[in-house]
Amino acid sequence: MSKKWRHQMKRWMTKTMELPADVLMDLPRITLVGQIHIYIENHKGLLAFSDTEIRVLLKQGQMLVRGEGLVIKVILPEELVLEGKINQVLYLEQ
């Protein structure tokens, strides 16, 4: 089964069965509360961390969070909670 066909099938199932796309397609779910709190679900690991920049591995690429005074409040195998002043959230393709 080709990758393209699987991807199309997952999209069809998501629409037809009204399932959340993040669950079926293994996409990250990002919840940003103002500029002070970000909750990242379905990540694949933490690649780099400092108080100004955090790089997170996703299934398809990476996410870069830039800010000031960034602190990891919670880190679990597929969940991450960051606090601080968040200035920028970028998706980086592989």
N, C-alpha and C. Protein backbone atom coordinates (compact mmCIF):
# COMPACT_ATOMS: atom_id res chain seq x y z
N MET A 1 0.85 -1.17 0.00
CA MET A 1 0.00 0.00 0.00
C MET A 1 0.90 1.24 0.00
N SER A 2 0.68 2.14 -0.97
CA SER A 2 1.54 3.31 -1.08
C SER A 2 1.21 4.33 0.01
N LYS A 3 2.18 5.18 0.30
CA LYS A 3 2.02 6.21 1.32
C LYS A 3 0.93 7.20 0.93
N LYS A 4 0.89 7.55 -0.35
CA LYS A 4 -0.10 8.50 -0.83
C LYS A 4 -1.52 7.93 -0.67
N TRP A 5 -1.69 6.67 -0.99
CA TRP A 5 -3.00 6.03 -0.88
C TRP A 5 -3.44 5.98 0.58
N ARG A 6 -2.52 5.62 1.47
CA ARG A 6 -2.84 5.58 2.91
C ARG A 6 -3.26 6.95 3.42
N HIS A 7 -2.54 7.97 2.99
CA HIS A 7 -2.86 9.34 3.41
C HIS A 7 -4.25 9.73 2.92
N GLN A 8 -4.58 9.43 1.68
CA GLN A 8 -5.91 9.74 1.13
C GLN A 8 -7.00 8.97 1.88
N MET A 9 -6.71 7.72 2.20
CA MET A 9 -7.68 6.90 2.93
C MET A 9 -7.94 7.47 4.33
N LYS A 10 -6.89 7.91 5.00
CA LYS A 10 -7.05 8.51 6.33
C LYS A 10 -7.86 9.79 6.26
N ARG A 11 -7.61 10.61 5.24
CA ARG A 11 -8.40 11.84 5.07
C ARG A 11 -9.87 11.52 4.85
N TRP A 12 -10.14 10.53 4.01
CA TRP A 12 -11.52 10.13 3.74
C TRP A 12 -12.20 9.64 5.01
N MET A 13 -11.49 8.80 5.78
CA MET A 13 -12.06 8.28 7.03
C MET A 13 -12.33 9.41 8.02
N THR A 14 -11.42 10.38 8.07
CA THR A 14 -11.59 11.51 8.97
C THR A 14 -12.87 12.27 8.64
N LYS A 15 -13.08 12.53 7.35
CA LYS A 15 -14.28 13.27 6.93
C LYS A 15 -15.54 12.43 7.10
N THR A 16 -15.50 11.18 6.65
CA THR A 16 -16.67 10.32 6.67
C THR A 16 -17.12 9.97 8.08
N MET A 17 -16.19 9.61 8.93
CA MET A 17 -16.52 9.18 10.29
C MET A 17 -16.51 10.32 11.30
N GLU A 18 -16.17 11.51 10.83
CA GLU A 18 -16.10 12.69 11.68
C GLU A 18 -15.16 12.47 12.88
N LEU A 19 -14.02 11.84 12.61
CA LEU A 19 -13.00 11.63 13.63
C LEU A 19 -12.04 12.81 13.63
N PRO A 20 -11.46 13.12 14.77
CA PRO A 20 -10.48 14.20 14.81
C PRO A 20 -9.26 13.88 13.94
N ALA A 21 -8.88 14.80 13.09
CA ALA A 21 -7.76 14.59 12.17
C ALA A 21 -6.45 14.34 12.92
N ASP A 22 -6.25 15.02 14.06
CA ASP A 22 -5.00 14.84 14.79
C ASP A 22 -4.82 13.41 15.27
N VAL A 23 -5.91 12.74 15.62
CA VAL A 23 -5.84 11.36 16.11
C VAL A 23 -5.57 10.40 14.97
N LEU A 24 -6.35 10.49 13.92
CA LEU A 24 -6.26 9.54 12.82
C LEU A 24 -5.02 9.74 11.97
N MET A 25 -4.61 10.97 11.76
CA MET A 25 -3.50 11.24 10.86
C MET A 25 -2.19 11.48 11.60
N ASP A 26 -2.17 11.26 12.91
CA ASP A 26 -0.95 11.41 13.71
C ASP A 26 -0.39 12.83 13.63
N LEU A 27 -1.28 13.81 13.68
CA LEU A 27 -0.89 15.21 13.63
C LEU A 27 -0.73 15.76 15.04
N PRO A 28 0.12 16.77 15.21
CA PRO A 28 0.23 17.38 16.53
C PRO A 28 -0.97 18.27 16.81
N ARG A 29 -1.32 18.39 18.07
CA ARG A 29 -2.37 19.33 18.49
C ARG A 29 -1.68 20.36 19.37
N ILE A 30 -1.78 21.62 18.95
CA ILE A 30 -1.12 22.70 19.67
C ILE A 30 -2.19 23.63 20.21
N THR A 31 -2.13 23.89 21.51
CA THR A 31 -3.05 24.83 22.14
C THR A 31 -2.21 25.96 22.71
N LEU A 32 -2.46 27.16 22.22
CA LEU A 32 -1.72 28.34 22.66
C LEU A 32 -2.66 29.24 23.43
N VAL A 33 -2.29 29.57 24.65
CA VAL A 33 -3.09 30.46 25.49
C VAL A 33 -2.36 31.80 25.57
N GLY A 34 -2.86 32.75 24.81
CA GLY A 34 -2.20 34.05 24.76
C GLY A 34 -0.75 33.89 24.34
N GLN A 35 0.12 34.61 25.01
CA GLN A 35 1.55 34.51 24.75
C GLN A 35 2.28 33.83 25.89
N ILE A 36 1.53 33.20 26.81
CA ILE A 36 2.18 32.73 28.03
C ILE A 36 2.21 31.21 28.22
N HIS A 37 1.46 30.47 27.41
CA HIS A 37 1.31 29.04 27.67
C HIS A 37 1.08 28.31 26.34
N ILE A 38 1.81 27.22 26.11
CA ILE A 38 1.59 26.41 24.93
C ILE A 38 1.58 24.94 25.34
N TYR A 39 0.58 24.22 24.84
CA TYR A 39 0.40 22.80 25.13
C TYR A 39 0.52 22.05 23.82
N ILE A 40 1.49 21.14 23.73
CA ILE A 40 1.76 20.40 22.50
C ILE A 40 1.49 18.93 22.75
N GLU A 41 0.55 18.37 22.00
CA GLU A 41 0.22 16.95 22.10
C GLU A 41 0.70 16.23 20.85
N ASN A 42 0.98 14.96 20.99
CA ASN A 42 1.37 14.09 19.88
C ASN A 42 2.70 14.50 19.25
N HIS A 43 3.67 14.87 20.09
CA HIS A 43 5.01 15.15 19.59
C HIS A 43 5.84 13.87 19.65
N LYS A 44 7.00 13.90 19.04
CA LYS A 44 7.86 12.71 18.99
C LYS A 44 9.16 12.88 19.76
N GLY A 45 9.29 13.99 20.48
CA GLY A 45 10.48 14.18 21.31
C GLY A 45 10.96 15.61 21.31
N LEU A 46 11.76 15.92 22.30
CA LEU A 46 12.34 17.25 22.46
C LEU A 46 13.75 17.20 21.87
N LEU A 47 14.06 18.10 20.93
CA LEU A 47 15.36 18.10 20.27
C LEU A 47 16.34 19.09 20.89
N ALA A 48 15.83 20.25 21.31
CA ALA A 48 16.70 21.27 21.90
C ALA A 48 15.87 22.16 22.81
N PHE A 49 16.52 22.65 23.86
CA PHE A 49 15.81 23.51 24.80
C PHE A 49 16.74 24.56 25.39
N SER A 50 16.25 25.79 25.43
CA SER A 50 16.90 26.87 26.18
C SER A 50 15.78 27.79 26.66
N ASP A 51 16.11 28.82 27.39
CA ASP A 51 15.05 29.71 27.88
C ASP A 51 14.51 30.64 26.79
N THR A 52 15.11 30.58 25.58
CA THR A 52 14.64 31.41 24.47
C THR A 52 14.17 30.61 23.26
N GLU A 53 14.47 29.31 23.23
CA GLU A 53 14.12 28.52 22.04
C GLU A 53 13.93 27.04 22.40
N ILE A 54 12.86 26.47 21.86
CA ILE A 54 12.59 25.04 22.07
C ILE A 54 12.28 24.42 20.72
N ARG A 55 12.93 23.30 20.41
CA ARG A 55 12.72 22.59 19.14
C ARG A 55 12.13 21.23 19.46
N VAL A 56 10.98 20.92 18.85
CA VAL A 56 10.23 19.70 19.12
C VAL A 56 10.13 18.89 17.83
N LEU A 57 10.37 17.59 17.92
CA LEU A 57 10.25 16.71 16.77
C LEU A 57 8.79 16.31 16.60
N LEU A 58 8.30 16.40 15.37
CA LEU A 58 6.95 15.99 15.01
C LEU A 58 7.05 14.84 14.01
N LYS A 59 5.95 14.19 13.73
CA LYS A 59 5.98 13.10 12.75
C LYS A 59 6.45 13.61 11.40
N GLN A 60 5.99 14.79 11.03
CA GLN A 60 6.39 15.39 9.76
C GLN A 60 7.09 16.71 10.01
N GLY A 61 8.34 16.66 10.33
CA GLY A 61 9.12 17.87 10.53
C GLY A 61 9.36 18.20 11.99
N GLN A 62 9.51 19.49 12.24
CA GLN A 62 9.81 19.98 13.58
C GLN A 62 8.99 21.24 13.85
N MET A 63 8.89 21.58 15.13
CA MET A 63 8.27 22.83 15.55
C MET A 63 9.30 23.59 16.37
N LEU A 64 9.39 24.88 16.10
CA LEU A 64 10.31 25.75 16.81
C LEU A 64 9.48 26.79 17.56
N VAL A 65 9.69 26.87 18.86
CA VAL A 65 9.01 27.87 19.70
C VAL A 65 10.08 28.81 20.21
N ARG A 66 9.89 30.11 19.92
CA ARG A 66 10.85 31.12 20.39
C ARG A 66 10.15 32.06 21.35
N GLY A 67 10.91 32.50 22.35
CA GLY A 67 10.33 33.42 23.32
C GLY A 67 11.34 33.84 24.36
N GLU A 68 10.83 34.20 25.53
CA GLU A 68 11.67 34.66 26.63
C GLU A 68 11.23 33.96 27.91
N GLY A 69 12.20 33.54 28.68
CA GLY A 69 11.90 32.89 29.96
C GLY A 69 11.10 31.60 29.81
N LEU A 70 11.36 30.86 28.74
CA LEU A 70 10.63 29.62 28.49
C LEU A 70 11.01 28.55 29.51
N VAL A 71 9.99 27.89 30.04
CA VAL A 71 10.17 26.85 31.05
C VAL A 71 9.29 25.66 30.67
N ILE A 72 9.84 24.45 30.79
CA ILE A 72 9.04 23.24 30.58
C ILE A 72 8.32 22.94 31.89
N LYS A 73 7.00 23.01 31.87
CA LYS A 73 6.21 22.72 33.07
C LYS A 73 5.89 21.24 33.17
N VAL A 74 5.59 20.60 32.03
CA VAL A 74 5.26 19.18 31.99
C VAL A 74 5.88 18.58 30.74
N ILE A 75 6.50 17.41 30.88
CA ILE A 75 6.99 16.69 29.71
C ILE A 75 6.66 15.21 29.90
N LEU A 76 5.87 14.71 28.98
CA LEU A 76 5.45 13.31 28.96
C LEU A 76 5.79 12.74 27.59
N PRO A 77 5.69 11.43 27.39
CA PRO A 77 6.07 10.85 26.09
C PRO A 77 5.42 11.52 24.88
N GLU A 78 4.18 11.99 24.99
CA GLU A 78 3.53 12.62 23.84
C GLU A 78 2.90 13.97 24.17
N GLU A 79 3.21 14.52 25.33
CA GLU A 79 2.65 15.81 25.73
C GLU A 79 3.75 16.70 26.30
N LEU A 80 3.60 17.98 26.04
CA LEU A 80 4.59 18.95 26.48
C LEU A 80 3.86 20.25 26.81
N VAL A 81 4.15 20.82 27.98
CA VAL A 81 3.56 22.09 28.38
C VAL A 81 4.70 23.07 28.64
N LEU A 82 4.65 24.21 27.95
CA LEU A 82 5.67 25.25 28.09
C LEU A 82 5.02 26.53 28.59
N GLU A 83 5.77 27.27 29.39
CA GLU A 83 5.31 28.58 29.85
C GLU A 83 6.43 29.58 29.67
N GLY A 84 6.06 30.82 29.55
CA GLY A 84 7.00 31.92 29.34
C GLY A 84 6.35 32.90 28.39
N LYS A 85 7.11 33.84 27.89
CA LYS A 85 6.60 34.76 26.88
C LYS A 85 6.89 34.16 25.51
N ILE A 86 5.85 33.72 24.83
CA ILE A 86 6.00 33.06 23.52
C ILE A 86 5.87 34.12 22.43
N ASN A 87 6.93 34.26 21.63
CA ASN A 87 6.95 35.26 20.57
C ASN A 87 6.68 34.68 19.20
N GLN A 88 7.04 33.40 19.00
CA GLN A 88 6.95 32.83 17.66
C GLN A 88 6.83 31.31 17.72
N VAL A 89 5.96 30.77 16.87
CA VAL A 89 5.83 29.31 16.71
C VAL A 89 5.97 29.03 15.22
N LEU A 90 6.97 28.22 14.85
CA LEU A 90 7.25 27.90 13.45
C LEU A 90 7.22 26.41 13.22
N TYR A 91 6.71 26.01 12.05
CA TYR A 91 6.80 24.62 11.61
C TYR A 91 7.94 24.53 10.61
N LEU A 92 8.83 23.57 10.81
CA LEU A 92 9.96 23.37 9.92
C LEU A 92 9.80 22.00 9.26
N GLU A 93 9.79 21.98 7.93
CA GLU A 93 9.68 20.72 7.23
C GLU A 93 11.01 20.00 7.26
N GLN A 94 10.95 18.67 7.11
CA GLN A 94 12.19 17.86 7.17
C GLN A 94 13.09 18.13 6.01
